[in-house]
């Protein structure tokens, strides 16, 4: 038995030296009567596989790996998110073949270990049984940029718990989701080692800011502040009313914990026909025109005034282009998605619920519920400057000859200083801010060739016809 094993070992050793003869470029003496065949300098073991392909003798290993690196950058891959597939490239994900690390690993077989280990490695390589895996590197900064389109598609905003004060029910919070870049790239790297080109997108939960437990701490029997405005529900007012009710519904029941910020545009969202909003008058420049969502500025103004009277911290508020008919100057707040927003922070020592509802037809009320008022708030404003308006005459070919239509009433411009006094009992704070209301032109639509002398006299506050101004009323003259 022992003699047979000895004979087998001798045969294998003889086969080894014969098989290596074609690769032998250098011979080194190791001990007496034993010779070890080594690969040439900078060359891999003969027959060695690197990343599933046989490493070539020519071109050099480094050039060959560099070409594979360039191929890999352009290689297209799929990232799966449930049933959705997102196509990209390894280069866009910041993944590259690490040429130096791969080359170092490819040159180890036949050069590392004792004589027996070297011989075994060379024999395995010669017969195609040794495959050195590719080494990869990933730039997470590039991955973050490359994954942004996917991150936007998989992003799901959390939904805060809130009270449906009309139905008297609690609505649970729903966690959101966002792309987990590190976990996704780890999945890609592990899959590449296994030779895959389809990988899974990984996300992580985004918790809601307000949970059901937070609702239990809000005392809905106490009103910190409230404010009311009226609106018409007839004619064009009916379309405004539809938009007002839709925006109010989006806000009603929202909980704000102490220190939590409110954003009107974030909560109400885009005003589109698909979401139920309709056409109604909006201010565009210095004219009233139909726009989708017209009227929701009244919701923002009503809520703004209630937040101001509750002594909350206002962080963003914009005045309208003209004074609003439904509230005092300085207490209005215009919004336009996404450029102009209404923002405030719950600076009260307790969580609150925003209650925006309609006690009766054509009446909107915004309440801040949750606790007793922390301060007595007084509001007043003063006009520091007025500006005269102009008459604008526009010819419309569809108007019957000799006819004129007054499309818009003229309104003077106002520079307003608002003053807010907050009496906390132990101290009194005073705040002030400015609102600029531009002059609104009086607009007449007339037929072609209309005799402008037939128009009514310029109203009080007008300084002339646009393009032909008089000096009868100067800016800054309150009587103009």
Protein backbone atom coordinates (compact mmCIF):
# COMPACT_ATOMS: atom_id res chain seq x y z
CA UNK A 1 0.00 0.00 0.00
CA UNK A 2 2.82 2.33 0.97
CA UNK A 3 4.74 1.53 -2.20
CA UNK A 4 1.68 2.30 -4.36
CA UNK A 5 1.19 5.70 -2.72
CA UNK A 6 4.85 6.53 -3.22
CA UNK A 7 4.62 5.63 -6.90
CA UNK A 8 1.47 7.79 -7.35
CA UNK A 9 3.12 10.80 -5.74
CA UNK A 10 6.13 10.41 -8.01
CA UNK A 11 3.88 10.29 -11.10
CA UNK A 12 1.97 13.43 -10.03
CA UNK A 13 5.20 15.26 -9.37
CA UNK A 14 6.52 14.23 -12.78
CA UNK A 15 3.30 15.42 -14.44
CA UNK A 16 3.59 18.71 -12.60
CA UNK A 17 7.06 19.45 -13.87
CA UNK A 18 6.14 18.40 -17.40
CA UNK A 19 2.99 20.60 -17.43
CA UNK A 20 4.93 23.58 -16.18
CA UNK A 21 7.65 23.27 -18.78
CA UNK A 22 5.89 25.62 -21.23
CA UNK A 23 5.64 28.35 -18.60
CA UNK A 24 9.15 28.09 -17.19
CA UNK A 25 11.14 31.25 -17.71
CA UNK A 26 13.28 31.13 -14.61
CA UNK A 27 14.74 28.31 -12.53
CA UNK A 28 15.87 28.64 -8.97
CA UNK A 29 17.68 26.03 -6.95
CA UNK A 30 15.92 25.14 -3.73
CA UNK A 31 17.74 22.42 -1.85
CA UNK A 32 19.62 19.56 -3.38
CA UNK A 33 18.21 18.09 -6.61
CA UNK A 34 14.92 20.12 -6.50
CA UNK A 35 14.00 22.85 -8.99
CA UNK A 36 10.98 25.27 -8.73
CA UNK A 37 9.51 26.88 -11.88
CA UNK A 38 8.31 30.46 -11.29
CA UNK A 39 6.20 32.80 -13.51
CA UNK A 40 8.08 35.63 -15.16
CA UNK A 41 8.26 38.96 -13.38
CA UNK A 42 4.93 40.80 -13.67
CA UNK A 43 3.23 37.81 -15.28
CA UNK A 44 0.51 35.64 -13.69
CA UNK A 45 0.74 31.88 -13.38
CA UNK A 46 0.21 30.10 -16.68
CA UNK A 47 -3.49 29.36 -17.29
CA UNK A 48 -4.67 31.46 -14.31
CA UNK A 49 -8.25 32.77 -14.48
CA UNK A 50 -8.86 36.33 -13.24
CA UNK A 51 -12.49 37.26 -12.77
CA UNK A 52 -13.69 34.39 -14.95
CA UNK A 53 -11.30 35.07 -17.84
CA UNK A 54 -7.85 33.61 -18.57
CA UNK A 55 -5.16 36.19 -17.88
CA UNK A 56 -3.22 36.85 -21.10
CA UNK A 57 0.51 36.73 -21.69
CA UNK A 58 0.32 39.68 -24.05
CA UNK A 59 -0.76 42.45 -23.51
CA UNK A 60 0.53 42.87 -20.00
CA UNK A 61 -1.69 42.03 -17.03
CA UNK A 62 -1.96 45.71 -16.07
CA UNK A 63 -3.12 46.79 -19.55
CA UNK A 64 -5.61 43.93 -19.70
CA UNK A 65 -7.09 44.84 -16.30
CA UNK A 66 -7.28 48.53 -17.25
CA UNK A 67 -9.30 47.62 -20.34
CA UNK A 68 -11.64 45.57 -18.16
CA UNK A 69 -11.99 48.53 -15.80
CA UNK A 70 -13.15 50.71 -18.69
CA UNK A 71 -15.60 48.06 -19.86
CA UNK A 72 -17.06 47.76 -16.38
CA UNK A 73 -17.70 51.49 -16.07
CA UNK A 74 -20.00 51.39 -19.13
CA UNK A 75 -21.68 48.10 -18.22
CA UNK A 76 -25.42 48.52 -17.64
CA UNK A 77 -27.12 47.04 -14.60
CA UNK A 78 -30.62 46.89 -13.16
CA UNK A 79 -31.67 47.95 -9.69
CA UNK A 80 -34.96 46.42 -8.57
CA UNK A 81 -37.41 48.11 -6.22
CA UNK A 82 -40.34 45.75 -5.92
CA UNK A 83 -41.78 45.54 -9.43
CA UNK A 84 -39.97 48.68 -10.61
CA UNK A 85 -36.64 48.38 -12.43
CA UNK A 86 -34.13 51.22 -12.64
CA UNK A 87 -31.37 50.99 -15.26
CA UNK A 88 -27.98 52.56 -14.64
CA UNK A 89 -24.27 51.80 -15.07
CA UNK A 90 -21.53 50.76 -12.67
CA UNK A 91 -19.76 54.03 -13.45
CA UNK A 92 -22.79 56.09 -12.44
CA UNK A 93 -22.86 54.10 -9.19
CA UNK A 94 -19.22 54.97 -8.50
CA UNK A 95 -18.13 51.31 -8.87
CA UNK A 96 -14.78 50.59 -10.52
CA UNK A 97 -12.44 47.67 -10.91
CA UNK A 98 -9.52 48.13 -8.51
CA UNK A 99 -6.70 47.39 -10.95
CA UNK A 100 -3.87 47.55 -8.40
CA UNK A 101 -5.57 45.28 -5.86
CA UNK A 102 -6.65 42.77 -8.53
CA UNK A 103 -3.18 42.70 -10.07
CA UNK A 104 -1.58 42.13 -6.68
CA UNK A 105 -3.90 39.18 -6.00
CA UNK A 106 -3.33 37.73 -9.51
CA UNK A 107 0.45 37.67 -9.04
CA UNK A 108 0.33 35.76 -5.75
CA UNK A 109 -0.28 32.18 -7.04
CA UNK A 110 3.09 30.45 -7.47
CA UNK A 111 4.86 33.14 -5.45
CA UNK A 112 3.30 32.73 -2.02
CA UNK A 113 3.74 29.97 0.58
CA UNK A 114 6.15 27.06 0.85
CA UNK A 115 7.29 24.89 -2.01
CA UNK A 116 4.27 22.59 -1.79
CA UNK A 117 1.78 25.48 -1.75
CA UNK A 118 3.44 27.14 -4.73
CA UNK A 119 3.47 23.90 -6.69
CA UNK A 120 -0.20 23.22 -5.94
CA UNK A 121 -1.20 26.75 -7.02
CA UNK A 122 0.73 26.48 -10.29
CA UNK A 123 -0.79 23.09 -11.04
CA UNK A 124 -4.34 24.29 -10.34
CA UNK A 125 -3.80 27.36 -12.51
CA UNK A 126 -2.35 25.30 -15.37
CA UNK A 127 -5.47 23.15 -15.58
CA UNK A 128 -7.96 26.02 -15.14
CA UNK A 129 -9.02 25.29 -11.58
CA UNK A 130 -7.81 28.54 -10.05
CA UNK A 131 -9.79 31.77 -10.52
CA UNK A 132 -8.72 34.96 -8.75
CA UNK A 133 -11.78 37.20 -8.11
CA UNK A 134 -11.76 40.80 -9.24
CA UNK A 135 -11.35 43.47 -6.59
CA UNK A 136 -13.69 46.46 -6.73
CA UNK A 137 -13.82 49.92 -5.20
CA UNK A 138 -16.83 52.19 -4.68
CA UNK A 139 -16.99 55.97 -4.29
CA UNK A 140 -20.01 56.60 -2.06
CA UNK A 141 -20.11 60.26 -3.03
CA UNK A 142 -20.48 59.37 -6.70
CA UNK A 143 -22.94 56.64 -5.74
CA UNK A 144 -25.04 59.19 -3.88
CA UNK A 145 -25.17 61.42 -6.97
CA UNK A 146 -25.83 58.52 -9.33
CA UNK A 147 -28.62 57.17 -7.15
CA UNK A 148 -30.46 60.49 -6.79
CA UNK A 149 -32.97 59.84 -9.59
CA UNK A 150 -33.77 56.49 -7.97
CA UNK A 151 -33.86 58.08 -4.52
CA UNK A 152 -36.48 60.55 -5.76
CA UNK A 153 -38.64 57.74 -7.15
CA UNK A 154 -38.50 55.55 -4.04
CA UNK A 155 -38.92 58.45 -1.59
CA UNK A 156 -42.21 58.30 0.29
CA UNK A 157 -43.01 61.02 2.79
CA UNK A 158 -44.29 59.90 6.19
CA UNK A 159 -47.83 60.78 7.17
CA UNK A 160 -48.30 62.28 10.62
CA UNK A 161 -51.02 61.08 12.95
CA UNK A 162 -53.87 63.58 13.13
CA UNK A 163 -57.35 64.07 14.41
CA UNK A 164 -60.34 64.13 12.11
CA UNK A 165 -62.26 66.62 14.18
CA UNK A 166 -65.31 66.33 11.95
CA UNK A 167 -65.56 62.53 12.16
CA UNK A 168 -64.20 62.48 15.74
CA UNK A 169 -61.57 59.86 14.95
CA UNK A 170 -57.83 59.46 15.30
CA UNK A 171 -55.88 58.78 12.12
CA UNK A 172 -52.70 56.78 12.68
CA UNK A 173 -49.29 57.86 11.45
CA UNK A 174 -47.72 56.06 8.47
CA UNK A 175 -43.90 55.79 8.24
CA UNK A 176 -42.29 56.95 5.03
CA UNK A 177 -39.30 55.50 3.19
CA UNK A 178 -36.03 56.75 1.75
CA UNK A 179 -33.18 55.17 -0.18
CA UNK A 180 -30.47 53.55 1.93
CA UNK A 181 -27.40 54.29 -0.20
CA UNK A 182 -24.91 52.28 1.87
CA UNK A 183 -27.11 49.18 2.08
CA UNK A 184 -27.89 49.39 -1.66
CA UNK A 185 -24.21 49.68 -2.59
CA UNK A 186 -23.30 46.81 -0.23
CA UNK A 187 -25.86 44.70 -2.08
CA UNK A 188 -24.29 45.73 -5.40
CA UNK A 189 -20.76 44.90 -4.24
CA UNK A 190 -21.76 41.51 -2.85
CA UNK A 191 -23.69 40.71 -6.02
CA UNK A 192 -20.75 41.64 -8.23
CA UNK A 193 -18.56 39.13 -6.45
CA UNK A 194 -21.17 36.50 -7.36
CA UNK A 195 -21.23 37.68 -10.98
CA UNK A 196 -24.69 39.25 -10.86
CA UNK A 197 -25.87 42.25 -12.88
CA UNK A 198 -29.28 42.68 -11.21
CA UNK A 199 -29.39 44.05 -7.68
CA UNK A 200 -31.98 45.10 -5.12
CA UNK A 201 -32.64 48.64 -3.93
CA UNK A 202 -32.67 48.94 -0.15
CA UNK A 203 -34.72 51.54 1.71
CA UNK A 204 -35.09 52.51 5.33
CA UNK A 205 -38.13 53.78 7.23
CA UNK A 206 -38.65 57.50 7.82
CA UNK A 207 -40.67 57.87 11.03
CA UNK A 208 -43.50 60.37 11.21
CA UNK A 209 -42.96 63.44 13.37
CA UNK A 210 -46.31 62.96 15.09
CA UNK A 211 -47.51 59.56 16.26
CA UNK A 212 -50.77 58.40 17.85
CA UNK A 213 -49.17 58.70 21.29
CA UNK A 214 -48.55 62.40 20.65
CA UNK A 215 -52.26 63.00 20.07
CA UNK A 216 -53.09 61.95 23.62
CA UNK A 217 -51.21 64.93 25.04
CA UNK A 218 -53.27 67.57 23.16
CA UNK A 219 -56.12 69.20 25.08
CA UNK A 220 -58.62 70.02 22.32
CA UNK A 221 -60.93 71.77 24.80
CA UNK A 222 -58.60 74.77 25.11
CA UNK A 223 -58.15 77.41 22.40
CA UNK A 224 -54.89 79.35 22.34
CA UNK A 225 -56.10 81.66 19.54
CA UNK A 226 -58.52 81.83 16.62
CA UNK A 227 -59.27 84.00 13.60
CA UNK A 228 -62.15 84.22 11.13
CA UNK A 229 -62.62 85.47 7.56
CA UNK A 230 -65.62 85.52 5.26
CA UNK A 231 -65.84 84.49 1.60
CA UNK A 232 -68.47 84.41 -1.10
CA UNK A 233 -69.95 81.16 -2.37
CA UNK A 234 -71.83 82.66 -5.32
CA UNK A 235 -70.73 82.97 -8.93
CA UNK A 236 -66.94 83.03 -9.20
CA UNK A 237 -66.92 82.77 -5.40
CA UNK A 238 -68.20 79.21 -5.71
CA UNK A 239 -64.99 78.16 -7.45
CA UNK A 240 -62.91 79.97 -4.82
CA UNK A 241 -64.93 78.22 -2.12
CA UNK A 242 -64.07 74.81 -3.59
CA UNK A 243 -60.35 75.58 -3.42
CA UNK A 244 -60.64 77.05 0.07
CA UNK A 245 -62.41 73.98 1.42
CA UNK A 246 -59.90 71.61 -0.17
CA UNK A 247 -56.86 73.42 1.27
CA UNK A 248 -58.50 73.75 4.71
CA UNK A 249 -59.20 70.01 4.75
CA UNK A 250 -55.50 69.27 4.17
CA UNK A 251 -54.53 71.30 7.26
CA UNK A 252 -57.40 70.53 9.64
CA UNK A 253 -56.38 68.22 12.48
CA UNK A 254 -52.63 68.59 12.02
CA UNK A 255 -50.58 68.27 15.21
CA UNK A 256 -47.53 70.43 15.92
CA UNK A 257 -45.30 69.44 18.81
CA UNK A 258 -43.33 72.16 20.65
CA UNK A 259 -40.54 73.32 18.37
CA UNK A 260 -42.05 71.68 15.27
CA UNK A 261 -42.29 73.78 12.09
CA UNK A 262 -45.30 74.17 9.81
CA UNK A 263 -45.06 74.74 6.04
CA UNK A 264 -48.26 75.55 4.14
CA UNK A 265 -46.85 74.38 0.78
CA UNK A 266 -45.59 71.12 2.26
CA UNK A 267 -48.92 70.28 3.92
CA UNK A 268 -51.28 71.49 1.19
CA UNK A 269 -49.05 70.43 -1.69
CA UNK A 270 -49.33 71.35 -5.36
CA UNK A 271 -52.56 72.95 -6.49
CA UNK A 272 -53.55 70.96 -9.58
CA UNK A 273 -56.74 70.00 -11.38
CA UNK A 274 -55.92 66.34 -10.75
CA UNK A 275 -56.00 66.95 -7.00
CA UNK A 276 -59.41 68.60 -7.14
CA UNK A 277 -58.48 72.29 -7.35
CA UNK A 278 -60.25 74.45 -9.91
CA UNK A 279 -59.87 77.72 -11.78
CA UNK A 280 -60.52 80.91 -9.81
CA UNK A 281 -59.12 84.46 -9.78
CA UNK A 282 -55.51 84.90 -8.67
CA UNK A 283 -53.23 87.94 -8.68
CA UNK A 284 -50.77 87.78 -11.59
CA UNK A 285 -48.53 90.84 -11.67
CA UNK A 286 -50.94 93.73 -11.19
CA UNK A 287 -54.02 92.01 -12.65
CA UNK A 288 -56.56 89.45 -11.56
CA UNK A 289 -56.58 86.40 -13.81
CA UNK A 290 -57.90 82.88 -13.54
CA UNK A 291 -55.46 80.34 -12.08
CA UNK A 292 -55.75 76.84 -10.64
CA UNK A 293 -56.16 77.06 -6.87
CA UNK A 294 -57.31 80.67 -6.68
CA UNK A 295 -58.60 81.48 -3.21
CA UNK A 296 -56.32 79.34 -1.06
CA UNK A 297 -54.38 82.45 -0.01
CA UNK A 298 -57.39 83.18 2.18
CA UNK A 299 -56.77 79.90 4.00
CA UNK A 300 -53.11 80.89 4.48
CA UNK A 301 -54.10 84.37 5.69
CA UNK A 302 -56.67 83.06 8.18
CA UNK A 303 -54.21 80.52 9.55
CA UNK A 304 -51.42 83.12 9.66
CA UNK A 305 -53.49 85.50 11.76
CA UNK A 306 -54.43 82.74 14.23
CA UNK A 307 -50.75 81.73 14.56
CA UNK A 308 -49.77 85.35 15.11
CA UNK A 309 -52.45 85.84 17.80
CA UNK A 310 -51.32 82.64 19.54
CA UNK A 311 -47.80 84.14 19.88
CA UNK A 312 -46.17 81.55 17.64
CA UNK A 313 -42.91 82.30 15.86
CA UNK A 314 -43.55 83.31 12.24
CA UNK A 315 -40.59 82.39 10.02
CA UNK A 316 -41.94 83.16 6.51
CA UNK A 317 -44.83 85.29 5.36
CA UNK A 318 -45.43 87.26 2.15
CA UNK A 319 -47.87 90.13 1.58
CA UNK A 320 -50.25 90.09 -1.37
CA UNK A 321 -49.69 92.34 -4.36
CA UNK A 322 -52.71 94.37 -3.21
CA UNK A 323 -54.71 94.69 0.04
CA UNK A 324 -57.10 91.80 0.64
CA UNK A 325 -60.80 92.44 1.12
CA UNK A 326 -61.22 89.71 3.76
CA UNK A 327 -58.67 90.89 6.33
CA UNK A 328 -56.77 93.93 7.58
CA UNK A 329 -53.58 95.03 5.88
CA UNK A 330 -50.60 93.21 7.34
CA UNK A 331 -52.65 90.18 8.39
CA UNK A 332 -52.75 88.63 4.91
CA UNK A 333 -50.38 85.91 3.70
CA UNK A 334 -49.98 84.99 0.04
CA UNK A 335 -48.65 81.58 -1.01
CA UNK A 336 -47.45 80.27 -4.37
CA UNK A 337 -46.11 76.76 -4.83
CA UNK A 338 -43.19 76.32 -4.46
CA UNK A 339 -41.70 79.83 -4.30
CA UNK A 340 -43.73 81.61 -1.59
CA UNK A 341 -44.68 79.81 1.57
CA UNK A 342 -46.26 80.42 4.96
CA UNK A 343 -44.08 78.97 7.72
CA UNK A 344 -44.25 79.18 11.48
CA UNK A 345 -42.89 77.25 14.45
CA UNK A 346 -44.88 76.05 17.44
CA UNK A 347 -43.06 78.10 20.05
CA UNK A 348 -45.74 77.33 22.66
CA UNK A 349 -44.87 75.07 25.63
CA UNK A 350 -47.45 72.45 24.60
CA UNK A 351 -48.43 70.52 21.45
CA UNK A 352 -51.25 72.03 19.41
CA UNK A 353 -53.77 70.99 16.79
CA UNK A 354 -54.55 73.23 13.83
CA UNK A 355 -58.31 73.29 13.38
CA UNK A 356 -59.45 74.96 10.14
CA UNK A 357 -63.19 74.61 9.56
CA UNK A 358 -66.41 76.37 8.52
CA UNK A 359 -68.84 77.19 11.34
CA UNK A 360 -71.32 78.40 8.75
CA UNK A 361 -71.56 78.86 5.00
CA UNK A 362 -69.07 81.46 3.77
CA UNK A 363 -67.24 81.69 7.11
CA UNK A 364 -63.83 80.14 7.79
CA UNK A 365 -62.25 79.86 11.23
CA UNK A 366 -58.72 78.80 12.11
CA UNK A 367 -58.15 77.71 15.72
CA UNK A 368 -54.98 76.80 17.59
CA UNK A 369 -56.07 74.12 20.07
CA UNK A 370 -54.09 72.65 22.94
CA UNK A 371 -53.72 75.06 25.84
CA UNK A 372 -54.43 78.40 27.44
CA UNK A 373 -53.11 81.54 25.71
CA UNK A 374 -49.56 82.34 26.79
CA UNK A 375 -49.85 86.05 26.01
CA UNK A 376 -52.31 88.82 25.25
CA UNK A 377 -51.61 89.80 21.66
CA UNK A 378 -52.47 93.20 20.17
CA UNK A 379 -52.13 94.00 16.49
CA UNK A 380 -52.17 97.37 14.76
CA UNK A 381 -50.75 98.84 11.58
CA UNK A 382 -49.88 102.20 10.09
CA UNK A 383 -49.55 103.43 6.51
CA UNK A 384 -46.21 105.12 5.94
CA UNK A 385 -46.71 105.87 2.25
CA UNK A 386 -49.32 105.62 -0.52
CA UNK A 387 -48.85 105.36 -4.27
CA UNK A 388 -51.28 106.54 -6.94
CA UNK A 389 -52.45 104.08 -9.59
CA UNK A 390 -52.89 104.46 -13.35
CA UNK A 391 -55.64 103.75 -15.83
CA UNK A 392 -54.77 101.06 -18.38
CA UNK A 393 -56.65 100.98 -21.68
CA UNK A 394 -56.49 97.73 -23.66
CA UNK A 395 -58.11 97.23 -27.07
CA UNK A 396 -59.97 93.96 -27.56
CA UNK A 397 -61.06 93.11 -31.13
CA UNK A 398 -64.03 91.07 -29.99
CA UNK A 399 -65.72 94.01 -28.20
CA UNK A 400 -68.53 95.67 -30.16
CA UNK A 401 -67.62 99.03 -31.73
CA UNK A 402 -68.09 101.96 -29.37
CA UNK A 403 -68.21 99.73 -26.27
CA UNK A 404 -65.96 99.71 -23.17
CA UNK A 405 -65.78 97.36 -20.17
CA UNK A 406 -64.16 98.19 -16.85
CA UNK A 407 -62.26 94.96 -16.18
CA UNK A 408 -60.56 95.96 -12.93
CA UNK A 409 -60.97 98.60 -10.26
CA UNK A 410 -57.94 100.74 -9.47
CA UNK A 411 -56.43 100.54 -5.97
CA UNK A 412 -53.71 102.73 -4.48
CA UNK A 413 -50.47 101.20 -3.31
CA UNK A 414 -49.59 101.16 0.39
CA UNK A 415 -46.43 100.83 2.41
CA UNK A 416 -47.57 99.37 5.74
CA UNK A 417 -45.83 98.92 9.08
CA UNK A 418 -47.40 96.23 11.30
CA UNK A 419 -46.84 96.29 15.06
CA UNK A 420 -47.48 93.33 17.35
CA UNK A 421 -47.47 93.61 21.15
CA UNK A 422 -47.26 90.43 23.22
CA UNK A 423 -48.04 90.82 26.92
CA UNK A 424 -46.80 87.74 28.83
CA UNK A 425 -47.75 89.18 32.21
CA UNK A 426 -44.17 89.42 33.44
CA UNK A 427 -42.85 91.10 30.28
CA UNK A 428 -44.04 92.74 27.10
CA UNK A 429 -42.44 91.97 23.74
CA UNK A 430 -42.91 94.09 20.64
CA UNK A 431 -42.44 93.03 17.05
CA UNK A 432 -42.81 94.88 13.78
CA UNK A 433 -42.73 93.95 10.11
CA UNK A 434 -43.41 95.56 6.76
CA UNK A 435 -45.85 94.89 3.93
CA UNK A 436 -45.65 96.48 0.50
CA UNK A 437 -48.85 96.58 -1.57
CA UNK A 438 -48.28 97.71 -5.14
CA UNK A 439 -50.72 100.04 -6.93
CA UNK A 440 -53.39 98.15 -8.87
CA UNK A 441 -54.23 99.76 -12.23
CA UNK A 442 -57.76 100.53 -13.29
CA UNK A 443 -58.24 98.49 -16.49
CA UNK A 444 -60.66 99.25 -19.30
CA UNK A 445 -61.16 96.92 -22.23
CA UNK A 446 -62.30 98.90 -25.28
CA UNK A 447 -63.18 98.16 -28.90
CA UNK A 448 -60.72 99.10 -31.69
CA UNK A 449 -60.95 102.81 -32.49
CA UNK A 450 -62.83 103.59 -29.29
CA UNK A 451 -62.94 107.27 -28.35
CA UNK A 452 -61.15 107.39 -24.98
CA UNK A 453 -62.91 110.69 -24.27
CA UNK A 454 -66.05 108.63 -23.67
CA UNK A 455 -64.49 106.94 -20.63
CA UNK A 456 -65.41 108.17 -17.14
CA UNK A 457 -63.20 110.74 -15.47
CA UNK A 458 -60.16 109.42 -13.64
CA UNK A 459 -61.19 108.23 -10.18
CA UNK A 460 -59.69 109.56 -6.96
CA UNK A 461 -56.23 108.10 -6.41
CA UNK A 462 -55.40 107.82 -10.14
CA UNK A 463 -52.51 109.78 -11.58
CA UNK A 464 -53.29 109.43 -15.25
CA UNK A 465 -53.52 107.03 -18.16
CA UNK A 466 -50.70 104.54 -18.45
CA UNK A 467 -48.08 105.95 -20.79
CA UNK A 468 -49.56 109.46 -20.54
CA UNK A 469 -49.29 110.34 -16.84
CA UNK A 470 -50.39 113.65 -15.41
CA UNK A 471 -49.01 115.40 -12.37
CA UNK A 472 -52.40 115.71 -10.69
CA UNK A 473 -51.52 113.03 -8.17
CA UNK A 474 -48.01 112.34 -6.96
CA UNK A 475 -46.80 109.20 -5.17
CA UNK A 476 -46.82 109.70 -1.44
CA UNK A 477 -49.75 112.10 -1.45
CA UNK A 478 -52.51 110.40 0.63
CA UNK A 479 -55.15 112.56 -1.00
CA UNK A 480 -54.03 111.61 -4.52
